[in-house]
Amino acid sequence: MFPLPIPVLIAIAAVVSGLVGSAWAISRFVCAGRFFAIATLALAVVLQTLVVNWNYVGGARGAYVIRPQETETLQLPYIQYLF
C-alpha cells in the first residue's frame, strides 16, 4: 500500500506510537488513583469501539483472507486440503 520499505514503516509506527503514548501519559499525570484507572479503562473501551467499527481494518468482520481455489502442493480443493 505504501511504497516504503518495511523497516522504515516500522520506525514510523514506533515514533507515532511513542507520541500517542506520551500524549496520553502527560494528560493522565493530572489524574491520580481511581481516576487514572477509570480514564485508562475508558480509553480501552473507546479504542476497541473505534477499531470494531472501522471498515479499513475489517470492522466487526475482522481480518480475512481470500482463500485459494486449489492448494499448490496437493492439487486439492482448499476445503479438502484443510480437512
Protein backbone atom coordinates (compact mmCIF):
# COMPACT_ATOMS: atom_id res chain seq x y z
CA MET A 1 0.00 0.00 0.00
CA PHE A 2 2.80 2.40 0.88
CA PRO A 3 5.90 2.37 -1.33
CA LEU A 4 8.27 2.45 1.67
CA PRO A 5 10.48 -0.36 2.93
CA ILE A 6 9.20 -2.34 5.90
CA PRO A 7 11.95 -1.14 8.33
CA VAL A 8 11.03 2.48 7.59
CA LEU A 9 7.34 1.76 8.19
CA ILE A 10 8.21 0.03 11.48
CA ALA A 11 10.23 3.07 12.55
CA ILE A 12 7.37 5.42 11.64
CA ALA A 13 4.92 3.24 13.57
CA ALA A 14 7.23 3.28 16.61
CA VAL A 15 7.51 7.08 16.53
CA VAL A 16 3.75 7.58 16.13
CA SER A 17 3.03 5.09 18.93
CA GLY A 18 5.54 6.81 21.18
CA LEU A 19 4.00 10.22 20.52
CA VAL A 20 0.46 8.99 21.17
CA GLY A 21 1.58 7.18 24.33
CA SER A 22 3.45 10.23 25.57
CA ALA A 23 0.45 12.47 24.96
CA TRP A 24 -1.76 10.02 26.83
CA ALA A 25 0.70 9.75 29.74
CA ILE A 26 1.13 13.52 30.05
CA SER A 27 -2.62 14.06 30.06
CA ARG A 28 -3.04 11.32 32.70
CA PHE A 29 -0.48 12.82 35.10
CA VAL A 30 -3.23 15.16 36.19
CA CYS A 31 -5.32 12.18 37.27
CA ALA A 32 -4.46 10.20 40.37
CA GLY A 33 -5.55 6.92 41.87
CA ARG A 34 -9.01 5.79 40.88
CA PHE A 35 -9.44 8.48 38.25
CA PHE A 36 -6.33 7.24 36.43
CA ALA A 37 -7.76 3.71 36.37
CA ILE A 38 -11.13 4.92 35.10
CA ALA A 39 -9.50 7.02 32.37
CA THR A 40 -7.36 4.07 31.26
CA LEU A 41 -10.36 1.72 31.08
CA ALA A 42 -12.32 4.37 29.20
CA LEU A 43 -9.52 4.65 26.64
CA ALA A 44 -9.54 0.88 26.15
CA VAL A 45 -13.31 0.88 25.53
CA VAL A 46 -13.13 3.82 23.12
CA LEU A 47 -10.26 2.31 21.12
CA GLN A 48 -11.99 -1.07 20.90
CA THR A 49 -15.18 0.59 19.65
CA LEU A 50 -13.25 2.57 17.04
CA VAL A 51 -11.39 -0.47 15.72
CA VAL A 52 -14.51 -2.67 15.63
CA ASN A 53 -16.42 -0.07 13.64
CA TRP A 54 -13.55 0.97 11.34
CA ASN A 55 -14.02 -0.58 7.89
CA TYR A 56 -10.38 -0.06 6.89
CA VAL A 57 -9.19 -2.74 9.33
CA GLY A 58 -12.08 -5.12 8.64
CA GLY A 59 -14.61 -3.70 11.07
CA ALA A 60 -16.65 -6.19 13.06
CA ARG A 61 -15.85 -8.79 10.40
CA GLY A 62 -12.17 -8.76 11.38
CA ALA A 63 -9.24 -9.55 9.16
CA TYR A 64 -9.98 -12.06 6.46
CA VAL A 65 -8.02 -13.81 3.75
CA ILE A 66 -9.39 -14.76 0.35
CA ARG A 67 -8.84 -18.48 0.18
CA PRO A 68 -7.26 -20.07 -2.89
CA GLN A 69 -9.29 -22.37 -5.14
CA GLU A 70 -6.66 -25.12 -5.08
CA THR A 71 -3.61 -25.78 -2.99
CA GLU A 72 -0.31 -25.69 -4.81
CA THR A 73 1.18 -28.83 -3.28
CA LEU A 74 -1.67 -31.36 -3.35
CA GLN A 75 -3.90 -30.02 -6.15
CA LEU A 76 -6.96 -30.46 -3.92
CA PRO A 77 -9.78 -28.03 -3.32
CA TYR A 78 -8.94 -25.85 -0.32
CA ILE A 79 -11.69 -27.24 1.92
CA GLN A 80 -10.48 -30.81 1.35
CA TYR A 81 -6.89 -29.70 1.99
CA LEU A 82 -7.89 -28.24 5.36
CA PHE A 83 -9.84 -31.38 6.26
